[in-house]
Protein backbone atom coordinates (compact mmCIF):
# COMPACT_ATOMS: atom_id res chain seq x y z
CA MET A 1 114.37 129.14 94.84
CA ALA A 2 114.27 126.93 98.13
CA PRO A 3 114.16 128.82 101.44
CA SER A 4 117.65 129.60 102.76
CA ASP A 5 117.09 127.91 106.07
CA THR A 6 115.90 124.75 104.37
CA ILE A 7 118.27 121.89 105.45
CA THR A 8 118.11 118.11 104.91
CA SER A 9 119.03 115.61 107.60
CA ARG A 10 122.66 115.58 109.11
CA THR A 11 123.16 111.84 108.50
CA GLU A 12 126.84 111.69 109.87
CA THR A 13 125.71 113.50 113.15
CA LEU A 14 122.69 111.36 113.40
CA MET A 15 124.61 108.17 112.98
CA LYS A 16 126.48 108.72 116.15
CA TYR A 17 123.49 108.38 118.30
CA MET A 18 121.80 105.57 116.03
CA SER A 19 124.41 103.05 117.15
CA LEU A 20 123.98 103.78 120.84
CA ASP A 21 122.72 100.70 123.14
CA GLN A 22 119.04 100.78 123.71
CA LYS A 23 119.27 99.04 127.13
CA GLY A 24 116.74 96.33 126.38
CA GLN A 25 114.16 98.61 124.73
CA ILE A 26 112.74 99.02 121.31
CA ILE A 27 111.46 101.71 119.28
CA ALA A 28 107.96 100.95 117.58
CA GLU A 29 107.00 103.36 114.87
CA TYR A 30 103.20 103.30 114.50
CA VAL A 31 101.89 104.16 111.06
CA TRP A 32 98.41 104.86 109.89
CA VAL A 33 96.60 106.61 107.12
CA ASP A 34 94.98 110.15 107.68
CA ALA A 35 91.81 111.39 106.07
CA GLU A 36 93.65 112.79 103.12
CA GLY A 37 95.52 109.57 102.31
CA ASN A 38 98.69 110.60 103.77
CA PRO A 39 100.84 108.25 106.00
CA ARG A 40 101.36 109.57 109.51
CA SER A 41 103.39 108.03 112.45
CA LYS A 42 104.55 108.56 115.94
CA SER A 43 106.95 106.37 118.08
CA ARG A 44 106.56 104.52 121.47
CA THR A 45 109.10 102.52 123.51
CA LEU A 46 108.48 98.85 124.13
CA PRO A 47 110.44 96.14 126.08
CA GLU A 48 112.45 94.26 123.70
CA LYS A 49 111.02 90.96 122.63
CA LYS A 50 112.22 88.42 119.99
CA ASN A 51 109.08 88.00 117.75
CA TYR A 52 106.46 90.47 118.47
CA THR A 53 102.94 89.84 116.63
CA PRO A 54 100.33 92.55 116.35
CA GLU A 55 98.31 90.98 118.90
CA ASP A 56 101.19 91.45 121.47
CA LEU A 57 101.23 95.13 120.80
CA PRO A 58 99.48 97.71 122.77
CA ILE A 59 96.33 99.61 121.19
CA TRP A 60 97.24 103.22 121.06
CA ASN A 61 95.61 106.45 120.16
CA PHE A 62 96.08 109.96 118.64
CA ASP A 63 94.46 113.22 118.26
CA GLY A 64 91.95 112.74 115.26
CA SER A 65 91.07 116.19 115.25
CA SER A 66 94.40 117.09 113.98
CA THR A 67 94.40 114.65 110.99
CA GLY A 68 90.91 115.06 109.72
CA GLN A 69 89.68 111.83 111.36
CA ALA A 70 87.59 113.17 114.41
CA PRO A 71 85.84 116.21 115.75
CA GLY A 72 87.63 118.34 118.46
CA ASP A 73 85.10 117.23 121.08
CA ASN A 74 85.52 113.67 120.59
CA SER A 75 89.10 113.54 119.18
CA ASP A 76 90.57 110.33 120.35
CA VAL A 77 91.07 107.76 117.48
CA TYR A 78 92.60 104.28 118.37
CA LEU A 79 95.27 102.48 116.59
CA LYS A 80 94.98 98.80 116.41
CA PRO A 81 98.12 96.99 115.22
CA VAL A 82 97.73 94.76 112.12
CA ALA A 83 101.02 94.25 110.65
CA ILE A 84 104.65 94.34 111.63
CA PHE A 85 107.94 95.34 109.59
CA PRO A 86 111.60 95.59 110.39
CA ASP A 87 112.51 99.43 110.88
CA PRO A 88 115.08 100.15 108.07
CA PHE A 89 115.94 103.57 109.72
CA ARG A 90 116.61 102.56 113.30
CA GLY A 91 117.62 99.09 112.39
CA SER A 92 116.98 95.71 114.43
CA PRO A 93 115.10 95.26 116.74
CA ASN A 94 113.17 98.25 116.19
CA ILE A 95 110.04 97.87 114.24
CA ILE A 96 107.33 99.56 112.18
CA VAL A 97 103.83 98.91 112.99
CA LEU A 98 101.01 99.35 110.61
CA ALA A 99 97.84 100.13 112.47
CA GLU A 100 94.24 100.56 111.52
CA CYS A 101 92.18 103.48 113.03
CA TRP A 102 89.07 103.00 115.14
CA ASP A 103 86.54 105.22 117.06
CA ALA A 104 85.83 105.27 120.61
CA ASP A 105 82.46 103.46 119.97
CA GLY A 106 84.21 100.43 118.72
CA GLN A 107 83.59 101.10 115.07
CA PRO A 108 86.03 101.45 112.41
CA ASN A 109 87.08 105.34 111.68
CA LYS A 110 85.37 106.19 108.36
CA PHE A 111 88.75 106.55 106.74
CA ASN A 112 89.78 103.07 107.75
CA TYR A 113 89.30 101.36 104.44
CA ARG A 114 91.45 98.32 105.49
CA HIS A 115 88.82 96.88 107.76
CA GLU A 116 86.23 96.30 104.99
CA CYS A 117 88.84 95.23 102.58
CA ALA A 118 90.18 92.63 104.99
CA LYS A 119 86.52 91.03 105.42
CA ILE A 120 86.26 90.94 101.48
CA MET A 121 89.54 89.13 101.35
CA GLU A 122 88.62 86.64 103.91
CA ALA A 123 85.19 86.02 102.47
CA THR A 124 86.85 85.12 99.10
CA ALA A 125 90.13 83.74 100.19
CA GLU A 126 89.24 80.35 98.06
CA HIS A 127 89.90 82.40 94.84
CA GLU A 128 93.54 83.08 95.98
CA PRO A 129 93.71 86.72 94.64
CA TRP A 130 96.96 88.01 93.61
CA PHE A 131 97.74 91.85 93.34
CA GLY A 132 100.64 93.66 91.92
CA LEU A 133 100.48 97.48 92.11
CA GLU A 134 102.57 99.92 90.11
CA GLN A 135 102.99 103.11 92.19
CA GLU A 136 103.71 106.13 89.97
CA TYR A 137 104.98 109.52 91.83
CA THR A 138 106.82 112.56 91.14
CA LEU A 139 109.68 114.06 93.23
CA LEU A 140 109.33 117.80 93.76
CA SER A 141 111.85 120.38 95.13
CA GLN A 142 110.80 122.80 97.87
CA ASN A 143 109.07 125.21 95.45
CA ASP A 144 106.90 122.47 94.35
CA ARG A 145 108.45 122.22 90.95
CA PRO A 146 109.51 118.78 89.75
CA TYR A 147 113.06 118.17 90.48
CA GLY A 148 115.52 119.03 87.80
CA TRP A 149 112.99 121.14 85.86
CA PRO A 150 113.88 124.85 85.07
CA ASP A 151 112.63 127.33 87.54
CA ALA A 152 110.99 128.89 84.52
CA GLY A 153 109.67 127.03 81.57
CA PHE A 154 110.06 123.27 80.89
CA PRO A 155 112.49 120.65 80.05
CA ALA A 156 112.60 119.00 76.66
CA PRO A 157 109.54 117.01 75.50
CA GLN A 158 108.96 113.50 76.67
CA GLY A 159 111.07 110.51 75.13
CA PRO A 160 114.50 110.11 76.68
CA TYR A 161 113.29 109.90 80.29
CA TYR A 162 111.30 106.61 80.42
CA CYS A 163 113.80 104.05 82.04
CA GLY A 164 116.52 106.67 81.16
CA VAL A 165 120.12 106.67 82.39
CA GLY A 166 122.37 109.59 82.39
CA THR A 167 122.40 113.30 83.45
CA GLY A 168 119.57 115.35 81.84
CA LYS A 169 117.50 112.34 81.71
CA VAL A 170 116.84 111.42 85.40
CA VAL A 171 116.95 112.93 88.73
CA GLN A 172 117.11 112.01 92.30
CA ARG A 173 117.99 108.20 91.59
CA ASP A 174 119.64 108.36 95.01
CA ILE A 175 116.22 108.60 96.78
CA VAL A 176 114.91 105.61 94.43
CA GLU A 177 117.76 103.53 95.46
CA ALA A 178 117.59 104.25 99.12
CA HIS A 179 113.87 103.19 98.98
CA TYR A 180 114.33 100.11 97.25
CA LYS A 181 116.99 98.81 99.73
CA ALA A 182 114.78 100.22 102.68
CA CYS A 183 112.02 98.32 101.19
CA LEU A 184 113.71 95.02 100.82
CA TYR A 185 115.10 95.51 104.63
CA ALA A 186 111.63 95.93 105.77
CA GLY A 187 110.25 92.87 104.10
CA ILE A 188 108.19 94.79 101.59
CA LYS A 189 107.48 92.56 98.58
CA ILE A 190 108.88 95.25 96.24
CA SER A 191 109.38 93.82 92.56
CA GLY A 192 111.05 96.53 90.79
CA VAL A 193 111.66 100.25 90.07
CA ASN A 194 111.87 102.35 87.02
CA ALA A 195 112.13 105.98 85.65
CA GLU A 196 108.95 106.90 84.24
CA VAL A 197 107.80 108.95 81.16
CA MET A 198 107.74 112.33 82.51
CA PRO A 199 110.99 113.75 83.97
CA ALA A 200 111.28 113.65 87.82
CA GLN A 201 108.56 110.72 87.77
CA TRP A 202 109.43 107.53 89.05
CA GLU A 203 107.76 104.17 89.69
CA PHE A 204 107.99 101.25 92.07
CA GLN A 205 106.06 97.95 91.84
CA VAL A 206 105.01 95.92 94.89
CA GLY A 207 103.53 92.50 94.33
CA PRO A 208 102.39 89.77 93.67
CA CYS A 209 100.78 89.84 97.13
CA VAL A 210 98.06 87.91 98.46
CA GLY A 211 94.72 89.36 99.59
CA ILE A 212 94.90 92.22 102.18
CA GLU A 213 98.69 91.89 102.24
CA MET A 214 98.78 94.09 99.06
CA GLY A 215 97.32 97.23 100.91
CA ASP A 216 99.48 96.54 103.76
CA HIS A 217 102.81 96.36 101.75
CA LEU A 218 101.85 99.32 99.55
CA TRP A 219 100.91 101.68 102.38
CA VAL A 220 104.20 100.95 104.40
CA ALA A 221 106.20 101.39 101.09
CA ARG A 222 104.49 104.67 100.62
CA TYR A 223 105.58 105.66 104.23
CA LEU A 224 108.98 104.60 103.67
CA LEU A 225 109.09 106.76 100.39
CA HIS A 226 107.88 109.88 102.25
CA ARG A 227 110.40 109.28 105.19
CA ILE A 228 113.65 108.75 102.87
CA SER A 229 112.67 111.83 100.66
CA GLU A 230 112.48 113.77 103.95
CA ASP A 231 116.18 112.85 104.52
CA PHE A 232 116.98 114.18 100.94
CA GLY A 233 114.94 117.44 101.14
CA ALA A 234 112.44 116.46 98.41
CA LYS A 235 108.71 115.92 98.37
CA VAL A 236 106.68 113.09 96.93
CA SER A 237 103.55 113.85 95.01
CA VAL A 238 101.00 111.37 94.09
CA ASN A 239 98.90 113.77 92.28
CA PRO A 240 97.67 112.16 89.21
CA LYS A 241 98.34 115.04 86.86
CA PRO A 242 100.91 117.19 88.58
CA ILE A 243 101.66 119.30 85.53
CA PRO A 244 99.01 120.30 82.98
CA GLY A 245 99.55 119.88 79.33
CA ASP A 246 101.73 117.41 77.13
CA TRP A 247 103.01 115.27 80.24
CA ASN A 248 102.03 112.02 81.27
CA GLY A 249 100.24 111.69 84.41
CA ALA A 250 100.48 109.40 87.30
CA GLY A 251 98.67 106.14 87.89
CA LEU A 252 98.56 103.13 90.26
CA HIS A 253 98.07 100.55 87.54
CA SER A 254 96.78 97.38 89.34
CA ASN A 255 97.49 93.91 88.16
CA PHE A 256 94.94 91.31 89.29
CA SER A 257 94.51 87.61 89.00
CA THR A 258 92.68 84.64 90.76
CA LYS A 259 93.42 81.04 91.00
CA GLU A 260 91.03 80.38 88.17
CA MET A 261 92.50 82.98 85.83
CA ARG A 262 96.21 81.53 86.37
CA GLU A 263 95.16 77.97 85.32
CA GLU A 264 94.81 76.47 81.84
CA GLY A 265 91.77 77.91 80.05
CA GLY A 266 91.96 80.89 82.45
CA MET A 267 91.25 83.42 79.69
CA LYS A 268 87.47 82.77 80.07
CA HIS A 269 87.54 83.73 83.70
CA ILE A 270 89.68 86.90 82.67
CA GLU A 271 86.97 87.77 80.14
CA THR A 272 84.16 87.18 82.47
CA ALA A 273 85.83 89.48 85.05
CA ILE A 274 86.32 92.27 82.44
CA LYS A 275 82.76 92.28 81.55
CA LYS A 276 81.76 92.67 85.06
CA LEU A 277 83.96 95.48 85.55
CA GLU A 278 82.56 97.01 82.44
CA GLY A 279 79.09 96.96 84.14
CA ARG A 280 80.47 98.84 87.12
CA HIS A 281 82.78 101.28 85.80
CA LYS A 282 81.33 104.30 87.43
CA GLU A 283 81.36 102.63 90.62
CA HIS A 284 85.11 101.93 90.18
CA ILE A 285 86.24 105.38 89.10
CA ALA A 286 84.39 106.70 92.18
CA VAL A 287 87.15 105.02 94.38
CA TYR A 288 90.14 105.17 92.03
CA GLY A 289 91.55 108.53 93.34
CA GLU A 290 91.00 112.22 93.46
CA GLY A 291 91.65 114.29 90.36
CA ASN A 292 91.67 111.37 88.05
CA GLU A 293 89.54 113.20 85.36
CA LEU A 294 92.57 115.18 84.62
CA ARG A 295 94.75 112.03 83.76
CA LEU A 296 92.35 109.79 82.21
CA THR A 297 91.80 111.87 79.06
CA GLY A 298 92.30 109.03 76.47
CA LYS A 299 95.82 110.57 75.81
CA HIS A 300 99.30 109.76 77.34
CA GLU A 301 98.66 105.98 77.65
CA THR A 302 95.22 106.18 79.26
CA GLY A 303 91.61 105.42 78.41
CA ALA A 304 88.97 108.16 78.57
CA ILE A 305 87.26 108.20 82.01
CA ASP A 306 83.66 108.09 80.67
CA SER A 307 84.24 105.06 78.71
CA PHE A 308 85.44 101.55 79.17
CA THR A 309 87.75 99.78 76.83
CA TRP A 310 89.93 96.63 77.06
CA GLY A 311 92.35 94.85 74.53
CA VAL A 312 95.60 92.82 74.45
CA ALA A 313 98.86 95.07 74.76
CA ASN A 314 96.87 98.23 74.65
CA ARG A 315 97.98 100.73 76.89
CA GLY A 316 95.31 103.46 75.80
CA ALA A 317 92.56 101.03 77.21
CA SER A 318 90.97 100.93 80.66
CA ILE A 319 91.93 97.13 81.01
CA ARG A 320 94.95 95.75 79.36
CA ILE A 321 95.65 92.13 78.91
CA PRO A 322 99.25 91.46 78.57
CA ARG A 323 100.32 89.94 74.99
CA GLU A 324 101.99 86.93 76.77
CA VAL A 325 98.71 86.34 78.52
CA GLY A 326 96.71 86.56 75.39
CA ALA A 327 99.11 84.06 73.88
CA LYS A 328 99.02 81.59 76.45
CA GLY A 329 95.46 81.95 77.31
CA TYR A 330 95.69 82.23 80.95
CA GLY A 331 97.47 84.64 83.52
CA TYR A 332 96.28 88.13 84.78
CA PHE A 333 94.95 91.60 83.70
CA GLU A 334 96.00 95.11 84.36
CA ASP A 335 93.38 97.66 85.49
CA ARG A 336 94.96 100.98 84.15
CA ARG A 337 92.35 103.33 85.57
CA PRO A 338 93.25 103.95 89.23
CA ALA A 339 95.08 107.25 89.99
CA SER A 340 98.42 107.28 91.76
CA ASN A 341 96.76 108.73 94.89
CA SER A 342 94.21 105.64 95.08
CA ASP A 343 93.89 103.84 98.26
CA PRO A 344 95.23 100.13 97.47
CA TYR A 345 92.59 98.87 100.04
CA ARG A 346 89.80 100.50 98.10
CA ILE A 347 91.15 99.20 94.74
CA THR A 348 91.71 95.67 95.82
CA ALA A 349 88.31 95.48 97.68
CA ILE A 350 86.18 96.56 94.77
CA LEU A 351 88.08 94.19 92.46
CA MET A 352 87.12 91.25 94.50
CA GLU A 353 83.58 92.69 95.12
CA THR A 354 82.82 93.25 91.44
CA CYS A 355 84.24 89.87 90.39
CA PHE A 356 82.70 87.69 93.28
CA GLY A 357 79.67 89.74 94.68
CA ASN A 358 79.44 91.59 97.95
CA THR A 359 80.02 88.46 100.12
CA THR A 360 80.34 90.45 103.42
CA ALA A 361 76.55 91.83 103.32
């Protein structure tokens, strides 16, 4: 049972204050990624301006010793704004500011994976990389059980839940709908949502995005999901195998193409890229998320973690070429290996590095 003093947001009371005049000021919510791959944020007041750019915004700082990003005797970590989104919680003109983390010596923090990714994307921009990531996640109750599951025991076996409709098949659709609308308001390139195979598991898709934009949009979408779930008293888990046994895990399937792959005859470029991916399978697995060995078992629509396979329309392979792409002879492929807790900057960076070499060295 959830603790008796657990409450969710008092929305009606809050709305009385959200409509108050801000007297020419805006609230900027600075968002960053901590040492464990969780979004963090804090707010500051800025003078109202019609169109802020990241360069207009002040560099800020936080206590990195409290987020696992710095030692206590040198704890200041700096926040450098890199992207701005409309704030769906406070409304216009307030903004969400995505920021990179930098150390006091002028170097990117060791958990700042965006910086290197941005360099790789800039160096390979001629290939016009498009990405689309499919974020699977599980909604948990206060006692860390998947929402809607019995307190003891398990629900009926998988089957009716994927893209399900109706009581007993899906739970917490209100969170999913709220997140979808919030992403659209914020300008996130969210392309869809659906209920997933395990009950209480959902997925949203972001993309196509070009280059560094992919990581930026997915991280802000993750922040919005956690923030909205907070209002509903739910927890968001991106554990790749939240429930042991005969239940699907959670991934971050990564759809990828370049200009060459999308043009007539692009299949040869797709096949060349897949051969390069096969040669660096271990390097990719190393940055494709924690606990992924529990998910990549060769069962439940996954390939085995210690082998590399690919095929057309094969969801049990490491790399899937969609049937439509196989028929046309050009398009994109799906890397099904990344875990749901993977960092999108690390995924997109290593895909470009593997396909086109380390152009930033």
